[in-house]
């Protein structure tokens, strides 16, 4: 049997997005170069999450198991 494909848990994206949208955005001036960079980062994270979901769907269609990981310290089968 094939080993499940390890992927980050969705909560990782959600946590980063919440932090950036709530905390970081509040600390960056509205019309600063940093605000523009922050918006680019948020867009990139949203795209990454969307692409992971597409990969997950592709795995589902191919009947490949996916295993969500919370950290790099997890041991397979633990």
N, C-alpha and C. Protein backbone atom coordinates (compact mmCIF):
# COMPACT_ATOMS: atom_id res chain seq x y z
N UNK A 1 0.84 -1.19 0.00
CA UNK A 1 0.00 0.00 0.00
C UNK A 1 0.88 1.25 0.00
N UNK A 2 0.48 2.26 -0.76
CA UNK A 2 1.23 3.50 -0.84
C UNK A 2 1.07 4.33 0.43
N UNK A 3 2.13 4.97 0.80
CA UNK A 3 2.11 5.87 1.95
C UNK A 3 1.30 7.12 1.61
N UNK A 4 0.49 7.64 2.54
CA UNK A 4 -0.28 8.86 2.28
C UNK A 4 0.64 10.04 1.96
N UNK A 5 0.15 10.93 1.14
CA UNK A 5 0.91 12.11 0.75
C UNK A 5 0.82 13.14 1.88
N UNK A 6 1.97 13.53 2.46
CA UNK A 6 1.94 14.50 3.56
C UNK A 6 1.72 15.92 3.04
N UNK A 7 0.78 16.61 3.66
CA UNK A 7 0.48 18.01 3.32
C UNK A 7 0.29 18.81 4.60
N UNK A 8 0.57 20.11 4.53
CA UNK A 8 0.31 20.93 5.72
C UNK A 8 -1.18 20.99 6.03
N UNK A 9 -1.50 21.03 7.29
CA UNK A 9 -2.89 21.20 7.70
C UNK A 9 -3.36 22.59 7.26
N UNK A 10 -4.62 22.71 6.89
CA UNK A 10 -5.17 24.00 6.45
C UNK A 10 -5.03 25.08 7.52
N UNK A 11 -5.00 24.67 8.77
CA UNK A 11 -4.92 25.65 9.86
C UNK A 11 -3.65 26.50 9.77
N UNK A 12 -2.60 25.94 9.17
CA UNK A 12 -1.36 26.71 9.02
C UNK A 12 -1.60 27.94 8.15
N UNK A 13 -2.29 27.76 7.03
CA UNK A 13 -2.61 28.90 6.17
C UNK A 13 -3.53 29.87 6.89
N UNK A 14 -4.55 29.33 7.54
CA UNK A 14 -5.53 30.17 8.21
C UNK A 14 -4.89 31.01 9.32
N UNK A 15 -4.00 30.40 10.08
CA UNK A 15 -3.33 31.13 11.15
C UNK A 15 -2.48 32.26 10.59
N UNK A 16 -1.69 31.97 9.57
CA UNK A 16 -0.86 33.00 8.96
C UNK A 16 -1.70 34.14 8.38
N UNK A 17 -2.78 33.78 7.70
CA UNK A 17 -3.64 34.81 7.12
C UNK A 17 -4.29 35.68 8.19
N UNK A 18 -4.76 35.07 9.25
CA UNK A 18 -5.37 35.86 10.35
C UNK A 18 -4.36 36.81 10.97
N UNK A 19 -3.17 36.30 11.22
CA UNK A 19 -2.12 37.14 11.81
C UNK A 19 -1.81 38.32 10.90
N UNK A 20 -1.60 38.04 9.62
CA UNK A 20 -1.25 39.10 8.68
C UNK A 20 -2.39 40.10 8.49
N UNK A 21 -3.62 39.61 8.38
CA UNK A 21 -4.75 40.49 8.12
C UNK A 21 -5.17 41.30 9.35
N UNK A 22 -5.04 40.73 10.53
CA UNK A 22 -5.49 41.42 11.74
C UNK A 22 -4.38 42.21 12.42
N UNK A 23 -3.27 41.55 12.66
CA UNK A 23 -2.21 42.17 13.46
C UNK A 23 -1.22 42.98 12.61
N UNK A 24 -0.68 42.33 11.59
CA UNK A 24 0.33 42.99 10.78
C UNK A 24 -0.28 44.18 10.04
N UNK A 25 -1.44 44.00 9.44
CA UNK A 25 -2.08 45.08 8.68
C UNK A 25 -2.36 46.29 9.57
N UNK A 26 -2.72 46.05 10.80
CA UNK A 26 -3.01 47.15 11.73
C UNK A 26 -1.75 47.92 12.10
N UNK A 27 -0.59 47.28 11.99
CA UNK A 27 0.67 47.91 12.39
C UNK A 27 1.39 48.60 11.22
N UNK A 28 0.91 48.40 10.01
CA UNK A 28 1.57 48.97 8.82
C UNK A 28 0.76 50.17 8.34
N UNK A 29 1.46 51.23 8.01
CA UNK A 29 0.79 52.44 7.53
C UNK A 29 0.07 52.16 6.21
N UNK A 30 -1.08 52.81 6.03
CA UNK A 30 -1.96 52.54 4.90
C UNK A 30 -1.30 52.73 3.54
N UNK A 31 -0.53 53.79 3.37
CA UNK A 31 0.05 54.09 2.05
C UNK A 31 1.56 53.90 2.05
N UNK A 32 2.02 52.86 2.65
CA UNK A 32 3.45 52.60 2.71
C UNK A 32 3.82 51.46 1.76
N UNK A 33 5.10 51.39 1.38
CA UNK A 33 5.54 50.25 0.56
C UNK A 33 5.33 48.92 1.28
N UNK A 34 5.40 48.94 2.60
CA UNK A 34 5.20 47.72 3.38
C UNK A 34 3.76 47.21 3.26
N UNK A 35 2.81 48.12 3.19
CA UNK A 35 1.40 47.73 3.04
C UNK A 35 1.20 47.00 1.71
N UNK A 36 1.85 47.51 0.66
CA UNK A 36 1.76 46.85 -0.65
C UNK A 36 2.38 45.46 -0.60
N UNK A 37 3.54 45.33 0.03
CA UNK A 37 4.20 44.03 0.17
C UNK A 37 3.34 43.07 1.00
N UNK A 38 2.71 43.59 2.04
CA UNK A 38 1.84 42.78 2.88
C UNK A 38 0.67 42.24 2.06
N UNK A 39 0.06 43.09 1.24
CA UNK A 39 -1.05 42.64 0.41
C UNK A 39 -0.60 41.56 -0.58
N UNK A 40 0.60 41.71 -1.14
CA UNK A 40 1.14 40.70 -2.04
C UNK A 40 1.33 39.37 -1.31
N UNK A 41 1.82 39.44 -0.08
CA UNK A 41 2.04 38.24 0.72
C UNK A 41 0.71 37.54 1.03
N UNK A 42 -0.29 38.31 1.39
CA UNK A 42 -1.62 37.74 1.67
C UNK A 42 -2.18 37.06 0.43
N UNK A 43 -2.05 37.70 -0.72
CA UNK A 43 -2.53 37.12 -1.99
C UNK A 43 -1.78 35.83 -2.29
N UNK A 44 -0.47 35.82 -2.08
CA UNK A 44 0.34 34.63 -2.33
C UNK A 44 -0.09 33.48 -1.43
N UNK A 45 -0.34 33.75 -0.15
CA UNK A 45 -0.78 32.70 0.76
C UNK A 45 -2.15 32.15 0.36
N UNK A 46 -3.05 33.03 -0.06
CA UNK A 46 -4.37 32.57 -0.52
C UNK A 46 -4.24 31.68 -1.75
N UNK A 47 -3.34 32.06 -2.66
CA UNK A 47 -3.11 31.24 -3.85
C UNK A 47 -2.52 29.89 -3.46
N UNK A 48 -1.57 29.89 -2.53
CA UNK A 48 -0.95 28.64 -2.09
C UNK A 48 -2.00 27.71 -1.49
N UNK A 49 -2.88 28.25 -0.68
CA UNK A 49 -3.93 27.43 -0.08
C UNK A 49 -4.86 26.88 -1.17
N UNK A 50 -5.19 27.70 -2.13
CA UNK A 50 -6.04 27.26 -3.24
C UNK A 50 -5.36 26.17 -4.05
N UNK A 51 -4.07 26.34 -4.31
CA UNK A 51 -3.34 25.33 -5.06
C UNK A 51 -3.23 24.02 -4.29
N UNK A 52 -3.07 24.11 -2.97
CA UNK A 52 -3.05 22.88 -2.18
C UNK A 52 -4.39 22.17 -2.27
N UNK A 53 -5.48 22.92 -2.21
CA UNK A 53 -6.81 22.30 -2.32
C UNK A 53 -6.99 21.64 -3.69
N UNK A 54 -6.42 22.24 -4.74
CA UNK A 54 -6.47 21.62 -6.07
C UNK A 54 -5.67 20.32 -6.08
N UNK A 55 -4.52 20.32 -5.43
CA UNK A 55 -3.70 19.12 -5.32
C UNK A 55 -4.46 18.04 -4.56
N UNK A 56 -5.12 18.42 -3.47
CA UNK A 56 -5.91 17.47 -2.69
C UNK A 56 -7.01 16.86 -3.53
N UNK A 57 -7.68 17.67 -4.32
CA UNK A 57 -8.75 17.17 -5.18
C UNK A 57 -8.18 16.22 -6.23
N UNK A 58 -7.03 16.57 -6.77
CA UNK A 58 -6.36 15.71 -7.74
C UNK A 58 -6.02 14.36 -7.11
N UNK A 59 -5.56 14.39 -5.88
CA UNK A 59 -5.26 13.14 -5.16
C UNK A 59 -6.53 12.33 -4.93
N UNK A 60 -7.60 13.01 -4.56
CA UNK A 60 -8.86 12.33 -4.32
C UNK A 60 -9.34 11.62 -5.59
N UNK A 61 -9.27 12.32 -6.71
CA UNK A 61 -9.70 11.75 -7.99
C UNK A 61 -8.83 10.55 -8.36
N UNK A 62 -7.53 10.63 -8.04
CA UNK A 62 -6.59 9.54 -8.36
C UNK A 62 -6.60 8.46 -7.28
N UNK A 63 -7.47 8.60 -6.30
CA UNK A 63 -7.59 7.65 -5.19
C UNK A 63 -6.28 7.52 -4.41
N UNK A 64 -5.64 8.67 -4.18
CA UNK A 64 -4.41 8.73 -3.38
C UNK A 64 -4.75 9.34 -2.03
N UNK A 65 -4.27 8.72 -0.97
CA UNK A 65 -4.53 9.22 0.38
C UNK A 65 -3.68 10.45 0.67
N UNK A 66 -4.25 11.36 1.43
CA UNK A 66 -3.57 12.57 1.89
C UNK A 66 -3.52 12.53 3.40
N UNK A 67 -2.40 12.93 3.96
CA UNK A 67 -2.25 12.96 5.42
C UNK A 67 -1.83 14.37 5.82
N UNK A 68 -2.66 15.01 6.64
CA UNK A 68 -2.37 16.38 7.07
C UNK A 68 -1.41 16.38 8.24
N UNK A 69 -0.43 17.24 8.17
CA UNK A 69 0.59 17.33 9.22
C UNK A 69 0.48 18.68 9.92
N UNK A 70 0.71 18.62 11.23
CA UNK A 70 0.68 19.82 12.05
C UNK A 70 2.08 20.36 12.29
N UNK A 71 3.07 19.50 12.14
CA UNK A 71 4.46 19.93 12.32
C UNK A 71 5.38 18.96 11.63
N UNK A 72 6.64 19.30 11.58
CA UNK A 72 7.65 18.40 10.99
C UNK A 72 8.08 17.33 11.98
N UNK A 73 7.68 17.48 13.22
CA UNK A 73 8.08 16.54 14.27
C UNK A 73 7.20 15.31 14.36
N UNK A 74 6.12 15.27 13.59
CA UNK A 74 5.22 14.12 13.65
C UNK A 74 5.92 12.90 13.08
N UNK A 75 5.62 11.78 13.65
CA UNK A 75 6.14 10.51 13.14
C UNK A 75 5.02 9.80 12.39
N UNK A 76 5.31 9.29 11.18
CA UNK A 76 4.27 8.59 10.43
C UNK A 76 3.68 7.44 11.27
N UNK A 77 2.38 7.34 11.22
CA UNK A 77 1.68 6.28 11.92
C UNK A 77 1.52 6.53 13.42
N UNK A 78 1.99 7.69 13.89
CA UNK A 78 1.89 8.00 15.31
C UNK A 78 0.52 8.53 15.66
